[in-house]
Amino acid sequence: MAYDEDLANRIRELVGMEKGLSEKKMFGGLAFLINGNMSVAASGQGGLLVRVDPQESDALAAKPHAAPMVMRGREMQGWLRVESEGLATKRQLEPWVARGVGYAKSLPPKQ
């Protein structure tokens, strides 16, 4: 499954003015990086991947349409998957994107 190009465009509208922004195809989707750190991605499996503070993962995963990201059968602390149903409006999408961008900005830039 290819990533949702409409979702990618909606993300792009929200992050387009961020300093250090780049886009990269990753995990079968399109990732949006800030200073080389992934913030969010339009997932190739549908929905949104969001990078968050690992200490907040469990609380955020309890929100509607959110779940821990699972890779190779293992939950990844600091990474969430948000289902498309929870991203239908700008009001739903924007807080997730802002959270991912905010966390990526808090990390040291990658070289």
Protein backbone atom coordinates (compact mmCIF):
# COMPACT_ATOMS: atom_id res chain seq x y z
CA MET A 1 0.00 0.00 0.00
CA ALA A 2 1.34 3.43 -0.91
CA TYR A 3 1.14 6.30 1.53
CA ASP A 4 -1.83 8.69 1.38
CA GLU A 5 -0.69 11.60 -0.79
CA ASP A 6 -3.57 13.77 0.44
CA LEU A 7 -2.40 13.25 4.02
CA ALA A 8 1.18 14.05 2.98
CA ASN A 9 -0.02 17.32 1.41
CA ARG A 10 -2.00 18.20 4.54
CA ILE A 11 1.10 17.57 6.67
CA ARG A 12 3.18 19.64 4.25
CA GLU A 13 0.78 22.57 4.73
CA LEU A 14 1.31 22.39 8.49
CA VAL A 15 5.11 22.03 8.50
CA GLY A 16 6.10 23.88 5.35
CA MET A 17 7.65 26.85 7.16
CA GLU A 18 9.70 24.85 9.68
CA LYS A 19 13.44 25.49 9.65
CA GLY A 20 15.49 22.41 8.82
CA LEU A 21 12.56 20.62 7.14
CA SER A 22 13.22 17.80 4.70
CA GLU A 23 11.16 14.95 3.29
CA LYS A 24 12.35 11.39 2.87
CA LYS A 25 10.69 8.17 1.77
CA MET A 26 10.94 5.77 4.73
CA PHE A 27 9.01 2.79 6.08
CA GLY A 28 6.99 2.67 2.84
CA GLY A 29 5.73 6.17 3.52
CA LEU A 30 6.83 9.79 3.39
CA ALA A 31 8.62 11.11 6.46
CA PHE A 32 8.96 14.75 7.44
CA LEU A 33 12.27 15.41 9.18
CA ILE A 34 13.37 18.40 11.23
CA ASN A 35 17.15 18.82 11.29
CA GLY A 36 17.44 15.19 10.20
CA ASN A 37 15.13 13.80 12.92
CA MET A 38 11.84 12.24 11.90
CA SER A 39 8.84 14.10 13.31
CA VAL A 40 5.85 12.58 11.49
CA ALA A 41 5.23 10.43 8.44
CA ALA A 42 2.36 9.59 6.13
CA SER A 43 2.58 5.84 6.63
CA GLY A 44 2.65 3.32 3.82
CA GLN A 45 0.29 1.24 5.98
CA GLY A 46 -2.19 4.11 6.27
CA GLY A 47 -2.50 6.82 8.85
CA LEU A 48 0.23 8.78 10.53
CA LEU A 49 3.42 7.83 12.35
CA VAL A 50 4.33 10.31 15.07
CA ARG A 51 7.57 10.57 17.01
CA VAL A 52 6.96 11.56 20.62
CA ASP A 53 8.77 11.74 23.93
CA PRO A 54 9.12 8.07 24.98
CA GLN A 55 7.94 8.97 28.49
CA GLU A 56 4.62 10.16 27.00
CA SER A 57 4.09 7.16 24.70
CA ASP A 58 1.71 5.21 26.93
CA ALA A 59 -0.52 8.18 27.77
CA LEU A 60 -0.71 9.29 24.13
CA ALA A 61 -1.39 5.75 22.91
CA ALA A 62 -4.55 5.79 25.06
CA LYS A 63 -6.01 8.62 22.95
CA PRO A 64 -8.68 7.75 20.36
CA HIS A 65 -7.30 6.26 17.12
CA ALA A 66 -3.73 6.10 18.51
CA ALA A 67 -1.63 3.05 19.28
CA PRO A 68 2.03 2.24 19.83
CA MET A 69 3.96 1.64 16.63
CA VAL A 70 4.91 -2.03 16.34
CA MET A 71 7.97 -3.04 14.37
CA ARG A 72 8.96 -6.69 14.02
CA GLY A 73 6.46 -7.63 16.70
CA ARG A 74 7.86 -5.15 19.23
CA GLU A 75 6.25 -1.94 20.49
CA MET A 76 8.48 1.03 19.83
CA GLN A 77 8.51 3.52 22.72
CA GLY A 78 8.47 7.06 21.40
CA TRP A 79 6.61 6.13 18.22
CA LEU A 80 2.84 6.12 17.67
CA ARG A 81 0.54 5.18 14.85
CA VAL A 82 -2.62 7.27 14.42
CA GLU A 83 -5.36 5.75 12.27
CA SER A 84 -6.73 7.72 9.32
CA GLU A 85 -10.13 7.99 11.02
CA GLY A 86 -8.51 10.17 13.68
CA LEU A 87 -6.97 12.53 11.12
CA ALA A 88 -9.96 13.51 9.00
CA THR A 89 -9.92 17.20 9.93
CA LYS A 90 -7.21 19.79 10.40
CA ARG A 91 -8.29 20.04 14.04
CA GLN A 92 -7.52 16.32 14.47
CA LEU A 93 -4.28 16.28 12.47
CA GLU A 94 -2.65 19.48 13.68
CA PRO A 95 -2.00 18.49 17.33
CA TRP A 96 -0.31 15.24 16.30
CA VAL A 97 1.89 17.02 13.75
CA ALA A 98 2.75 19.75 16.27
CA ARG A 99 3.68 17.13 18.88
CA GLY A 100 5.94 15.28 16.43
CA VAL A 101 7.59 18.48 15.20
CA GLY A 102 8.08 19.72 18.75
CA TYR A 103 9.78 16.52 19.81
CA ALA A 104 11.99 16.40 16.72
CA LYS A 105 13.08 20.00 17.39
CA SER A 106 14.11 19.01 20.93
CA LEU A 107 16.62 16.47 19.60
CA PRO A 108 20.18 17.30 18.55
CA PRO A 109 20.48 17.86 14.78
CA LYS A 110 21.74 14.89 12.79
CA GLN A 111 24.74 15.38 10.56
